[in-house]
């Protein structure tokens, strides 16, 4: 079985954020980091070169593939921030409960387990905090021992 390419690195989150361009994305990355830390209570780690992850879990899919991944996180990319929410992907109840919050969030797009935001001014950070908290709670319930 192939090993995952994206793993925890020794790079500090602070060092990574210092190099984020443009400066506006850097500052928004710092704001997102503070929000994720507040909600999760976790000190983040870098996953690969560009993803800031909070907590981690391990599971094995029905296919037999073993997974070691962050519980939640984000990447402050040049075009859009990518926010990773595994709880809604792993748990249909959390996923369906997210719909109401997304109606209040503001301007965004989605992927399978990602939320994409151009800039933080496009969204309601209070609603984002609700989404992070619900997702974090789902991941802690689904994967308590990780």
N, C-alpha and C. Protein backbone atom coordinates (compact mmCIF):
# COMPACT_ATOMS: atom_id res chain seq x y z
N UNK A 1 0.85 -1.19 0.00
CA UNK A 1 0.00 0.00 0.00
C UNK A 1 0.89 1.24 0.00
N UNK A 2 0.59 2.20 -0.83
CA UNK A 2 1.37 3.43 -0.93
C UNK A 2 1.24 4.26 0.34
N UNK A 3 2.34 4.90 0.70
CA UNK A 3 2.34 5.75 1.87
C UNK A 3 1.83 7.14 1.49
N UNK A 4 1.15 7.80 2.42
CA UNK A 4 0.61 9.14 2.15
C UNK A 4 1.75 10.12 1.86
N UNK A 5 1.53 10.99 0.89
CA UNK A 5 2.54 11.99 0.54
C UNK A 5 2.54 13.16 1.52
N UNK A 6 1.36 13.52 2.02
CA UNK A 6 1.25 14.67 2.91
C UNK A 6 1.36 14.19 4.35
N UNK A 7 2.44 14.58 5.02
CA UNK A 7 2.72 14.17 6.39
C UNK A 7 3.09 15.39 7.23
N UNK A 8 3.11 15.19 8.53
CA UNK A 8 3.55 16.24 9.45
C UNK A 8 5.02 16.53 9.18
N UNK A 9 5.36 17.82 9.16
CA UNK A 9 6.75 18.24 8.94
C UNK A 9 7.28 18.93 10.20
N UNK A 10 8.54 19.28 10.17
CA UNK A 10 9.18 19.98 11.29
C UNK A 10 9.10 21.50 11.15
N UNK A 11 8.60 21.99 10.03
CA UNK A 11 8.47 23.44 9.81
C UNK A 11 7.45 23.99 10.81
N UNK A 12 7.74 25.15 11.38
CA UNK A 12 6.77 25.74 12.31
C UNK A 12 5.69 26.49 11.53
N UNK A 13 4.53 26.54 12.12
CA UNK A 13 3.43 27.29 11.50
C UNK A 13 3.81 28.75 11.35
N UNK A 14 4.46 29.30 12.37
CA UNK A 14 4.85 30.70 12.33
C UNK A 14 5.80 30.97 11.16
N UNK A 15 6.78 30.08 10.96
CA UNK A 15 7.73 30.26 9.85
C UNK A 15 7.02 30.17 8.51
N UNK A 16 6.10 29.22 8.39
CA UNK A 16 5.35 29.10 7.15
C UNK A 16 4.53 30.36 6.89
N UNK A 17 3.78 30.81 7.91
CA UNK A 17 2.93 31.99 7.72
C UNK A 17 3.74 33.22 7.38
N UNK A 18 4.94 33.33 7.90
CA UNK A 18 5.80 34.48 7.60
C UNK A 18 6.09 34.58 6.11
N UNK A 19 6.10 33.45 5.42
CA UNK A 19 6.41 33.45 3.99
C UNK A 19 5.22 33.49 3.06
N UNK A 20 4.01 33.53 3.60
CA UNK A 20 2.80 33.54 2.76
C UNK A 20 2.71 34.87 2.02
N UNK A 21 2.44 34.79 0.74
CA UNK A 21 2.25 35.98 -0.10
C UNK A 21 0.89 35.88 -0.77
N UNK A 22 0.25 36.98 -1.01
CA UNK A 22 0.60 38.34 -0.67
C UNK A 22 0.41 38.61 0.83
N UNK A 23 0.88 39.76 1.31
CA UNK A 23 0.78 40.08 2.73
C UNK A 23 -0.64 39.99 3.30
N UNK A 24 -1.64 40.32 2.50
CA UNK A 24 -3.03 40.24 2.99
C UNK A 24 -3.39 38.79 3.31
N UNK A 25 -2.96 37.84 2.49
CA UNK A 25 -3.23 36.42 2.77
C UNK A 25 -2.46 35.98 4.01
N UNK A 26 -1.26 36.53 4.21
CA UNK A 26 -0.46 36.21 5.40
C UNK A 26 -1.23 36.62 6.66
N UNK A 27 -1.75 37.84 6.66
CA UNK A 27 -2.49 38.33 7.83
C UNK A 27 -3.77 37.53 8.05
N UNK A 28 -4.46 37.22 6.96
CA UNK A 28 -5.67 36.40 7.09
C UNK A 28 -5.31 35.00 7.59
N UNK A 29 -4.16 34.47 7.17
CA UNK A 29 -3.70 33.18 7.67
C UNK A 29 -3.48 33.22 9.17
N UNK A 30 -2.93 34.31 9.65
CA UNK A 30 -2.72 34.46 11.10
C UNK A 30 -4.05 34.54 11.84
N UNK A 31 -5.02 35.24 11.24
CA UNK A 31 -6.36 35.30 11.86
C UNK A 31 -7.02 33.92 11.89
N UNK A 32 -6.91 33.18 10.79
CA UNK A 32 -7.47 31.83 10.75
C UNK A 32 -6.79 30.94 11.77
N UNK A 33 -5.48 31.04 11.88
CA UNK A 33 -4.74 30.23 12.86
C UNK A 33 -5.25 30.52 14.27
N UNK A 34 -5.42 31.79 14.61
CA UNK A 34 -5.91 32.16 15.94
C UNK A 34 -7.31 31.58 16.17
N UNK A 35 -8.17 31.63 15.16
CA UNK A 35 -9.53 31.12 15.29
C UNK A 35 -9.53 29.60 15.47
N UNK A 36 -8.77 28.88 14.64
CA UNK A 36 -8.70 27.43 14.76
C UNK A 36 -8.11 27.03 16.11
N UNK A 37 -7.08 27.73 16.58
CA UNK A 37 -6.49 27.43 17.89
C UNK A 37 -7.53 27.64 19.00
N UNK A 38 -8.27 28.74 18.91
CA UNK A 38 -9.28 29.05 19.92
C UNK A 38 -10.32 27.94 19.99
N UNK A 39 -10.82 27.51 18.86
CA UNK A 39 -11.89 26.51 18.83
C UNK A 39 -11.38 25.12 19.21
N UNK A 40 -10.23 24.73 18.67
CA UNK A 40 -9.75 23.36 18.88
C UNK A 40 -8.93 23.18 20.14
N UNK A 41 -8.32 24.26 20.61
CA UNK A 41 -7.42 24.15 21.76
C UNK A 41 -6.10 23.47 21.40
N UNK A 42 -5.83 23.28 20.13
CA UNK A 42 -4.65 22.56 19.66
C UNK A 42 -3.57 23.52 19.16
N UNK A 43 -2.32 23.10 19.35
CA UNK A 43 -1.19 23.77 18.72
C UNK A 43 -1.03 23.10 17.36
N UNK A 44 -1.10 23.86 16.28
CA UNK A 44 -1.08 23.24 14.95
C UNK A 44 0.30 22.74 14.54
N UNK A 45 0.26 21.87 13.54
CA UNK A 45 1.47 21.35 12.90
C UNK A 45 1.31 21.56 11.40
N UNK A 46 2.43 21.65 10.73
CA UNK A 46 2.41 21.74 9.27
C UNK A 46 2.27 20.33 8.70
N UNK A 47 1.35 20.18 7.78
CA UNK A 47 1.15 18.93 7.03
C UNK A 47 1.60 19.22 5.61
N UNK A 48 2.70 18.65 5.23
CA UNK A 48 3.27 18.97 3.94
C UNK A 48 3.75 20.41 3.95
N UNK A 49 4.00 20.98 2.79
CA UNK A 49 4.57 22.32 2.75
C UNK A 49 3.59 23.47 2.97
N UNK A 50 2.25 23.22 2.85
CA UNK A 50 1.33 24.37 2.87
C UNK A 50 0.07 24.21 3.70
N UNK A 51 -0.13 23.10 4.39
CA UNK A 51 -1.37 22.90 5.14
C UNK A 51 -1.10 22.99 6.64
N UNK A 52 -1.88 23.81 7.32
CA UNK A 52 -1.79 23.96 8.77
C UNK A 52 -2.90 23.08 9.36
N UNK A 53 -2.50 22.08 10.14
CA UNK A 53 -3.46 21.12 10.66
C UNK A 53 -3.55 21.14 12.18
N UNK A 54 -4.75 20.86 12.67
CA UNK A 54 -5.05 20.87 14.10
C UNK A 54 -5.52 19.48 14.49
N UNK A 55 -4.83 18.88 15.45
CA UNK A 55 -5.16 17.52 15.85
C UNK A 55 -4.84 16.54 14.74
N UNK A 56 -5.02 15.27 15.04
CA UNK A 56 -4.80 14.23 14.04
C UNK A 56 -5.60 13.00 14.42
N UNK A 57 -5.82 12.15 13.45
CA UNK A 57 -6.54 10.91 13.70
C UNK A 57 -6.02 9.84 12.76
N UNK A 58 -6.33 8.62 13.11
CA UNK A 58 -5.99 7.47 12.28
C UNK A 58 -7.24 6.63 12.10
N UNK A 59 -7.40 6.11 10.91
CA UNK A 59 -8.51 5.20 10.63
C UNK A 59 -8.10 4.30 9.47
N UNK A 60 -8.87 3.27 9.27
CA UNK A 60 -8.67 2.38 8.14
C UNK A 60 -9.98 2.29 7.38
N UNK A 61 -9.92 2.60 6.09
CA UNK A 61 -11.11 2.53 5.25
C UNK A 61 -11.49 1.07 5.00
N UNK A 62 -12.72 0.86 4.54
CA UNK A 62 -13.18 -0.49 4.21
C UNK A 62 -12.27 -1.16 3.19
N UNK A 63 -11.62 -0.37 2.36
CA UNK A 63 -10.71 -0.90 1.34
C UNK A 63 -9.42 -1.45 1.95
N UNK A 64 -9.20 -1.15 3.24
CA UNK A 64 -7.98 -1.58 3.91
C UNK A 64 -6.92 -0.49 3.95
N UNK A 65 -7.18 0.63 3.30
CA UNK A 65 -6.22 1.74 3.29
C UNK A 65 -6.20 2.44 4.65
N UNK A 66 -5.01 2.50 5.25
CA UNK A 66 -4.83 3.18 6.53
C UNK A 66 -4.58 4.66 6.28
N UNK A 67 -5.18 5.50 7.12
CA UNK A 67 -5.09 6.95 6.96
C UNK A 67 -4.63 7.59 8.26
N UNK A 68 -3.68 8.50 8.16
CA UNK A 68 -3.24 9.35 9.26
C UNK A 68 -3.38 10.78 8.74
N UNK A 69 -4.26 11.57 9.36
CA UNK A 69 -4.58 12.89 8.80
C UNK A 69 -4.95 13.85 9.91
N UNK A 70 -4.98 15.11 9.60
CA UNK A 70 -5.39 16.15 10.56
C UNK A 70 -6.90 16.08 10.78
N UNK A 71 -7.34 16.51 11.95
CA UNK A 71 -8.79 16.56 12.21
C UNK A 71 -9.43 17.74 11.48
N UNK A 72 -8.74 18.84 11.40
CA UNK A 72 -9.20 20.02 10.69
C UNK A 72 -8.00 20.90 10.38
N UNK A 73 -8.17 21.86 9.51
CA UNK A 73 -7.06 22.74 9.19
C UNK A 73 -7.37 23.63 8.01
N UNK A 74 -6.32 24.32 7.54
CA UNK A 74 -6.50 25.22 6.41
C UNK A 74 -5.17 25.46 5.72
N UNK A 75 -5.25 26.01 4.54
CA UNK A 75 -4.08 26.44 3.79
C UNK A 75 -4.37 27.82 3.20
N UNK A 76 -3.56 28.81 3.57
CA UNK A 76 -3.77 30.16 3.02
C UNK A 76 -3.14 30.27 1.64
N UNK A 77 -3.87 29.88 0.63
CA UNK A 77 -3.34 29.88 -0.73
C UNK A 77 -3.51 31.27 -1.36
N UNK A 78 -2.72 31.52 -2.37
CA UNK A 78 -2.70 32.85 -3.00
C UNK A 78 -4.08 33.26 -3.51
N UNK A 79 -4.77 32.37 -4.20
CA UNK A 79 -6.08 32.72 -4.77
C UNK A 79 -7.20 32.60 -3.73
N UNK A 80 -7.25 31.48 -3.02
CA UNK A 80 -8.32 31.22 -2.05
C UNK A 80 -7.76 30.48 -0.85
N UNK A 81 -8.37 30.73 0.29
CA UNK A 81 -8.05 29.92 1.47
C UNK A 81 -8.77 28.60 1.31
N UNK A 82 -8.07 27.50 1.57
CA UNK A 82 -8.68 26.17 1.58
C UNK A 82 -8.85 25.75 3.03
N UNK A 83 -10.08 25.51 3.46
CA UNK A 83 -10.36 25.08 4.83
C UNK A 83 -10.82 23.64 4.79
N UNK A 84 -10.19 22.80 5.60
CA UNK A 84 -10.42 21.36 5.56
C UNK A 84 -11.29 20.94 6.72
N UNK A 85 -12.46 20.37 6.40
CA UNK A 85 -13.43 19.94 7.41
C UNK A 85 -13.79 18.48 7.19
N UNK A 86 -13.07 17.60 7.87
CA UNK A 86 -13.30 16.17 7.72
C UNK A 86 -14.58 15.70 8.40
N UNK A 87 -15.02 16.38 9.45
CA UNK A 87 -16.20 15.95 10.19
C UNK A 87 -17.43 15.85 9.32
N UNK A 88 -17.68 16.84 8.49
CA UNK A 88 -18.83 16.81 7.60
C UNK A 88 -18.69 15.77 6.51
N UNK A 89 -17.46 15.43 6.16
CA UNK A 89 -17.20 14.40 5.16
C UNK A 89 -17.38 13.01 5.76
N UNK A 90 -16.94 12.82 7.01
CA UNK A 90 -17.00 11.51 7.68
C UNK A 90 -18.35 11.23 8.33
N UNK A 91 -19.10 12.28 8.63
CA UNK A 91 -20.34 12.12 9.40
C UNK A 91 -21.49 12.84 8.70
N UNK A 92 -22.44 12.09 8.14
CA UNK A 92 -23.55 12.72 7.40
C UNK A 92 -24.38 13.69 8.25
N UNK A 93 -24.54 13.42 9.55
CA UNK A 93 -25.32 14.32 10.40
C UNK A 93 -24.64 15.68 10.49
N UNK A 94 -23.33 15.67 10.70
CA UNK A 94 -22.58 16.94 10.75
C UNK A 94 -22.62 17.62 9.39
N UNK A 95 -22.48 16.84 8.34
CA UNK A 95 -22.53 17.40 6.99
C UNK A 95 -23.84 18.07 6.69
N UNK A 96 -24.94 17.43 7.05
CA UNK A 96 -26.26 18.03 6.78
C UNK A 96 -26.51 19.23 7.68
N UNK A 97 -26.01 19.21 8.90
CA UNK A 97 -26.16 20.35 9.81
C UNK A 97 -25.38 21.57 9.34
N UNK A 98 -24.39 21.35 8.51
CA UNK A 98 -23.57 22.44 8.01
C UNK A 98 -24.34 23.30 7.02
N UNK A 99 -25.34 22.73 6.35
CA UNK A 99 -26.07 23.48 5.31
C UNK A 99 -26.65 24.79 5.83
N UNK A 100 -27.25 24.75 7.01
CA UNK A 100 -27.85 25.96 7.59
C UNK A 100 -26.77 27.00 7.87
N UNK A 101 -25.63 26.55 8.36
CA UNK A 101 -24.54 27.48 8.65
C UNK A 101 -23.99 28.09 7.36
N UNK A 102 -23.87 27.28 6.33
CA UNK A 102 -23.35 27.79 5.06
C UNK A 102 -24.26 28.86 4.47
N UNK A 103 -25.56 28.75 4.72
CA UNK A 103 -26.49 29.78 4.22
C UNK A 103 -26.20 31.14 4.86
N UNK A 104 -25.61 31.12 6.05
CA UNK A 104 -25.30 32.37 6.77
C UNK A 104 -23.85 32.79 6.62
N UNK A 105 -23.01 31.96 6.03
CA UNK A 105 -21.56 32.20 6.02
C UNK A 105 -21.15 33.38 5.14
N UNK A 106 -21.68 33.47 3.95
CA UNK A 106 -21.25 34.50 3.01
C UNK A 106 -20.81 33.86 1.71
N UNK A 107 -19.80 34.43 1.08
CA UNK A 107 -19.35 33.99 -0.24
C UNK A 107 -18.26 32.91 -0.10
N UNK A 108 -18.52 31.73 -0.70
CA UNK A 108 -17.60 30.60 -0.61
C UNK A 108 -17.92 29.62 -1.73
N UNK A 109 -17.04 28.66 -1.93
CA UNK A 109 -17.33 27.49 -2.75
C UNK A 109 -16.90 26.27 -1.94
N UNK A 110 -17.33 25.09 -2.40
CA UNK A 110 -17.00 23.88 -1.65
C UNK A 110 -16.42 22.80 -2.55
N UNK A 111 -15.71 21.89 -1.91
CA UNK A 111 -15.23 20.66 -2.51
C UNK A 111 -15.73 19.53 -1.63
N UNK A 112 -15.18 18.35 -1.78
CA UNK A 112 -15.67 17.19 -1.04
C UNK A 112 -15.59 17.41 0.48
N UNK A 113 -14.44 17.80 0.98
CA UNK A 113 -14.29 18.07 2.41
C UNK A 113 -13.66 19.44 2.64
N UNK A 114 -13.76 20.31 1.64
CA UNK A 114 -13.12 21.63 1.72
C UNK A 114 -14.12 22.75 1.53
N UNK A 115 -13.78 23.85 2.13
CA UNK A 115 -14.50 25.10 1.96
C UNK A 115 -13.47 26.08 1.42
N UNK A 116 -13.79 26.77 0.33
CA UNK A 116 -12.86 27.71 -0.29
C UNK A 116 -13.39 29.12 -0.12
N UNK A 117 -12.54 30.01 0.37
CA UNK A 117 -12.92 31.39 0.63
C UNK A 117 -11.88 32.30 -0.01
N UNK A 118 -12.31 33.24 -0.83
CA UNK A 118 -11.38 34.17 -1.47
C UNK A 118 -10.65 35.02 -0.45
N UNK A 119 -11.44 35.70 0.41
CA UNK A 119 -10.87 36.53 1.46
C UNK A 119 -11.83 36.53 2.65
N UNK A 120 -11.27 36.73 3.83
CA UNK A 120 -12.08 36.64 5.04
C UNK A 120 -13.17 37.69 5.11
N UNK A 121 -12.98 38.81 4.42
CA UNK A 121 -14.01 39.84 4.37
C UNK A 121 -15.28 39.38 3.67
N UNK A 122 -15.20 38.28 2.94
CA UNK A 122 -16.36 37.74 2.23
C UNK A 122 -17.27 36.90 3.12
N UNK A 123 -16.80 36.56 4.33
CA UNK A 123 -17.57 35.64 5.18
C UNK A 123 -17.77 36.20 6.58
N UNK A 124 -18.70 35.59 7.29
CA UNK A 124 -18.98 35.91 8.69
C UNK A 124 -18.10 35.00 9.55
N UNK A 125 -17.11 35.58 10.23
CA UNK A 125 -16.18 34.77 11.02
C UNK A 125 -16.86 34.08 12.20
N UNK A 126 -17.94 34.65 12.70
CA UNK A 126 -18.70 33.99 13.77
C UNK A 126 -19.33 32.69 13.28
N UNK A 127 -19.84 32.70 12.07
CA UNK A 127 -20.41 31.49 11.48
C UNK A 127 -19.30 30.48 11.18
N UNK A 128 -18.16 30.97 10.70
CA UNK A 128 -17.03 30.07 10.47
C UNK A 128 -16.63 29.39 11.77
N UNK A 129 -16.62 30.12 12.86
CA UNK A 129 -16.30 29.54 14.17
C UNK A 129 -17.30 28.43 14.52
N UNK A 130 -18.57 28.64 14.23
CA UNK A 130 -19.59 27.60 14.47
C UNK A 130 -19.29 26.34 13.65
N UNK A 131 -18.89 26.54 12.39
CA UNK A 131 -18.59 25.40 11.51
C UNK A 131 -17.38 24.64 12.03
N UNK A 132 -16.33 25.36 12.41
CA UNK A 132 -15.14 24.71 12.95
C UNK A 132 -15.50 23.92 14.20
N UNK A 133 -16.29 24.51 15.10
CA UNK A 133 -16.65 23.85 16.36
C UNK A 133 -17.47 22.59 16.12
N UNK A 134 -18.44 22.65 15.22
CA UNK A 134 -19.28 21.48 14.94
C UNK A 134 -18.46 20.37 14.30
N UNK A 135 -17.59 20.75 13.40
CA UNK A 135 -16.74 19.78 12.72
C UNK A 135 -15.77 19.14 13.71
N UNK A 136 -15.17 19.95 14.57
CA UNK A 136 -14.22 19.45 15.58
C UNK A 136 -14.93 18.47 16.51
N UNK A 137 -16.12 18.81 16.96
CA UNK A 137 -16.88 17.92 17.85
C UNK A 137 -17.17 16.59 17.17
N UNK A 138 -17.52 16.63 15.90
CA UNK A 138 -17.80 15.39 15.16
C UNK A 138 -16.55 14.53 15.06
N UNK A 139 -15.42 15.14 14.76
CA UNK A 139 -14.18 14.37 14.65
C UNK A 139 -13.76 13.77 15.99
N UNK A 140 -13.97 14.49 17.06
CA UNK A 140 -13.63 13.97 18.40
C UNK A 140 -14.55 12.82 18.77
N UNK A 141 -15.80 12.89 18.34
CA UNK A 141 -16.75 11.80 18.61
C UNK A 141 -16.44 10.59 17.74
N UNK A 142 -16.15 10.82 16.47
CA UNK A 142 -15.90 9.72 15.54
C UNK A 142 -14.56 9.03 15.76
N UNK A 143 -13.56 9.81 16.15
CA UNK A 143 -12.19 9.29 16.30
C UNK A 143 -11.61 9.75 17.65
N UNK A 144 -12.14 9.24 18.76
CA UNK A 144 -11.71 9.71 20.07
C UNK A 144 -10.28 9.30 20.43
N UNK A 145 -9.81 8.22 19.93
CA UNK A 145 -8.48 7.69 20.28
C UNK A 145 -7.52 7.87 19.13
N UNK A 146 -6.93 9.03 18.99
CA UNK A 146 -5.98 9.20 17.88
C UNK A 146 -4.77 9.96 18.33
